[in-house]
N, C-alpha and C. Protein backbone atom coordinates (compact mmCIF):
# COMPACT_ATOMS: atom_id res chain seq x y z
N MET A 1 -11.63 -19.17 -50.77
CA MET A 1 -11.25 -20.26 -51.64
C MET A 1 -11.50 -19.81 -53.07
N GLY A 2 -10.49 -19.87 -53.88
CA GLY A 2 -10.60 -19.42 -55.26
C GLY A 2 -11.12 -20.52 -56.18
N LYS A 3 -10.87 -20.33 -57.44
CA LYS A 3 -11.35 -21.28 -58.44
C LYS A 3 -10.41 -22.46 -58.63
N GLY A 4 -9.20 -22.37 -58.10
CA GLY A 4 -8.21 -23.43 -58.28
C GLY A 4 -8.65 -24.80 -57.80
N PRO A 5 -9.16 -24.93 -56.57
CA PRO A 5 -9.62 -26.24 -56.11
C PRO A 5 -10.78 -26.79 -56.94
N MET A 6 -11.65 -25.90 -57.43
CA MET A 6 -12.76 -26.35 -58.28
C MET A 6 -12.21 -26.91 -59.59
N TYR A 7 -11.26 -26.20 -60.20
CA TYR A 7 -10.67 -26.67 -61.44
C TYR A 7 -9.95 -28.00 -61.22
N PHE A 8 -9.22 -28.09 -60.11
CA PHE A 8 -8.49 -29.33 -59.82
C PHE A 8 -9.44 -30.50 -59.65
N SER A 9 -10.53 -30.31 -58.93
CA SER A 9 -11.45 -31.41 -58.70
C SER A 9 -12.14 -31.84 -59.99
N VAL A 10 -12.47 -30.90 -60.87
CA VAL A 10 -13.10 -31.25 -62.14
C VAL A 10 -12.11 -32.01 -63.02
N ILE A 11 -10.87 -31.54 -63.11
CA ILE A 11 -9.88 -32.20 -63.95
C ILE A 11 -9.55 -33.58 -63.41
N ALA A 12 -9.37 -33.69 -62.10
CA ALA A 12 -9.01 -34.98 -61.51
C ALA A 12 -10.14 -35.99 -61.67
N CYS A 13 -11.36 -35.59 -61.39
CA CYS A 13 -12.49 -36.52 -61.47
C CYS A 13 -12.80 -36.91 -62.92
N SER A 14 -12.67 -35.98 -63.85
CA SER A 14 -12.93 -36.33 -65.25
C SER A 14 -11.84 -37.24 -65.80
N THR A 15 -10.60 -37.06 -65.34
CA THR A 15 -9.53 -37.95 -65.76
C THR A 15 -9.76 -39.36 -65.24
N VAL A 16 -10.13 -39.47 -64.00
CA VAL A 16 -10.42 -40.79 -63.43
C VAL A 16 -11.63 -41.42 -64.12
N GLY A 17 -12.66 -40.63 -64.38
CA GLY A 17 -13.83 -41.13 -65.07
C GLY A 17 -13.53 -41.59 -66.48
N SER A 18 -12.59 -40.94 -67.15
CA SER A 18 -12.20 -41.35 -68.49
C SER A 18 -11.34 -42.60 -68.47
N TYR A 19 -10.59 -42.79 -67.41
CA TYR A 19 -9.68 -43.92 -67.36
C TYR A 19 -10.35 -45.22 -66.91
N VAL A 20 -11.44 -45.12 -66.18
CA VAL A 20 -12.11 -46.32 -65.66
C VAL A 20 -12.48 -47.32 -66.76
N PRO A 21 -13.03 -46.91 -67.91
CA PRO A 21 -13.31 -47.89 -68.97
C PRO A 21 -12.06 -48.58 -69.51
N ALA A 22 -10.92 -47.97 -69.35
CA ALA A 22 -9.68 -48.62 -69.81
C ALA A 22 -9.36 -49.85 -68.97
N LEU A 23 -9.94 -49.95 -67.79
CA LEU A 23 -9.71 -51.13 -66.96
C LEU A 23 -10.33 -52.38 -67.57
N TRP A 24 -11.37 -52.23 -68.39
CA TRP A 24 -11.93 -53.37 -69.09
C TRP A 24 -11.56 -53.32 -70.58
N HIS A 25 -10.41 -52.71 -70.87
CA HIS A 25 -9.78 -52.69 -72.19
C HIS A 25 -10.56 -51.93 -73.24
N ALA A 26 -11.30 -50.92 -72.85
CA ALA A 26 -11.92 -50.02 -73.82
C ALA A 26 -10.89 -48.95 -74.16
N GLY A 27 -10.97 -48.38 -75.34
CA GLY A 27 -10.03 -47.35 -75.74
C GLY A 27 -10.22 -46.07 -74.95
N PHE A 28 -9.16 -45.27 -74.91
CA PHE A 28 -9.24 -44.03 -74.14
C PHE A 28 -10.19 -43.03 -74.80
N PHE A 29 -10.38 -43.14 -76.12
CA PHE A 29 -11.31 -42.26 -76.83
C PHE A 29 -12.57 -43.00 -77.25
N SER A 30 -12.92 -44.04 -76.53
CA SER A 30 -14.15 -44.76 -76.83
C SER A 30 -15.35 -44.00 -76.26
N MET A 31 -16.53 -44.40 -76.67
CA MET A 31 -17.74 -43.72 -76.18
C MET A 31 -17.89 -43.91 -74.67
N ALA A 32 -17.54 -45.08 -74.16
CA ALA A 32 -17.63 -45.32 -72.72
C ALA A 32 -16.68 -44.40 -71.95
N SER A 33 -15.52 -44.15 -72.52
CA SER A 33 -14.56 -43.28 -71.87
C SER A 33 -15.02 -41.82 -71.88
N ILE A 34 -15.63 -41.41 -72.98
CA ILE A 34 -16.13 -40.04 -73.06
C ILE A 34 -17.28 -39.84 -72.08
N ILE A 35 -18.18 -40.79 -72.01
CA ILE A 35 -19.29 -40.70 -71.06
C ILE A 35 -18.77 -40.74 -69.63
N GLY A 36 -17.78 -41.58 -69.37
CA GLY A 36 -17.18 -41.62 -68.04
C GLY A 36 -16.52 -40.30 -67.67
N GLY A 37 -15.89 -39.65 -68.65
CA GLY A 37 -15.31 -38.34 -68.40
C GLY A 37 -16.35 -37.29 -68.08
N LEU A 38 -17.48 -37.35 -68.78
CA LEU A 38 -18.56 -36.41 -68.49
C LEU A 38 -19.14 -36.63 -67.09
N ILE A 39 -19.34 -37.88 -66.75
CA ILE A 39 -19.84 -38.19 -65.41
C ILE A 39 -18.82 -37.75 -64.36
N GLY A 40 -17.55 -37.99 -64.64
CA GLY A 40 -16.50 -37.55 -63.71
C GLY A 40 -16.44 -36.05 -63.57
N ALA A 41 -16.66 -35.32 -64.67
CA ALA A 41 -16.64 -33.85 -64.61
C ALA A 41 -17.78 -33.34 -63.73
N PHE A 42 -18.98 -33.94 -63.90
CA PHE A 42 -20.10 -33.53 -63.04
C PHE A 42 -19.83 -33.89 -61.59
N ALA A 43 -19.20 -35.03 -61.36
CA ALA A 43 -18.83 -35.40 -59.98
C ALA A 43 -17.80 -34.42 -59.43
N GLY A 44 -16.87 -33.98 -60.28
CA GLY A 44 -15.87 -33.00 -59.85
C GLY A 44 -16.49 -31.67 -59.49
N ILE A 45 -17.50 -31.26 -60.24
CA ILE A 45 -18.21 -30.02 -59.91
C ILE A 45 -18.90 -30.18 -58.56
N TRP A 46 -19.52 -31.33 -58.34
CA TRP A 46 -20.20 -31.58 -57.07
C TRP A 46 -19.19 -31.56 -55.91
N VAL A 47 -18.04 -32.21 -56.11
CA VAL A 47 -17.01 -32.22 -55.06
C VAL A 47 -16.49 -30.81 -54.81
N GLY A 48 -16.28 -30.05 -55.88
CA GLY A 48 -15.80 -28.68 -55.72
C GLY A 48 -16.77 -27.81 -54.95
N ILE A 49 -18.05 -27.97 -55.23
CA ILE A 49 -19.06 -27.20 -54.49
C ILE A 49 -19.07 -27.61 -53.03
N ARG A 50 -18.96 -28.90 -52.76
CA ARG A 50 -18.94 -29.37 -51.36
C ARG A 50 -17.71 -28.84 -50.64
N LEU A 51 -16.56 -28.82 -51.31
CA LEU A 51 -15.35 -28.27 -50.69
C LEU A 51 -15.50 -26.78 -50.40
N LYS A 52 -16.11 -26.07 -51.32
CA LYS A 52 -16.35 -24.65 -51.12
C LYS A 52 -17.26 -24.41 -49.93
N ASP A 53 -18.32 -25.22 -49.82
CA ASP A 53 -19.22 -25.08 -48.69
C ASP A 53 -18.54 -25.46 -47.37
N TYR A 54 -17.70 -26.48 -47.42
CA TYR A 54 -17.03 -26.95 -46.21
C TYR A 54 -16.03 -25.93 -45.69
N PHE A 55 -15.26 -25.35 -46.60
CA PHE A 55 -14.25 -24.39 -46.18
C PHE A 55 -14.78 -22.97 -46.08
N GLY A 56 -16.04 -22.77 -46.45
CA GLY A 56 -16.70 -21.51 -46.23
C GLY A 56 -16.16 -20.34 -47.02
N ALA A 57 -16.06 -20.52 -48.30
CA ALA A 57 -15.57 -19.39 -49.12
C ALA A 57 -16.77 -18.82 -49.74
């Protein structure tokens, strides 16, 4: 398993984390959105590591 799935999981999770504050009408570049993106990026790293462990690369 290469780096592609790790990159995809980080990008996807940080995008979702950035968009969640928009559900309560916060701006996309608000502080809540930036913090959500950071939390999502760390969650994406965690998911990527779990996928790597699961598929045994």
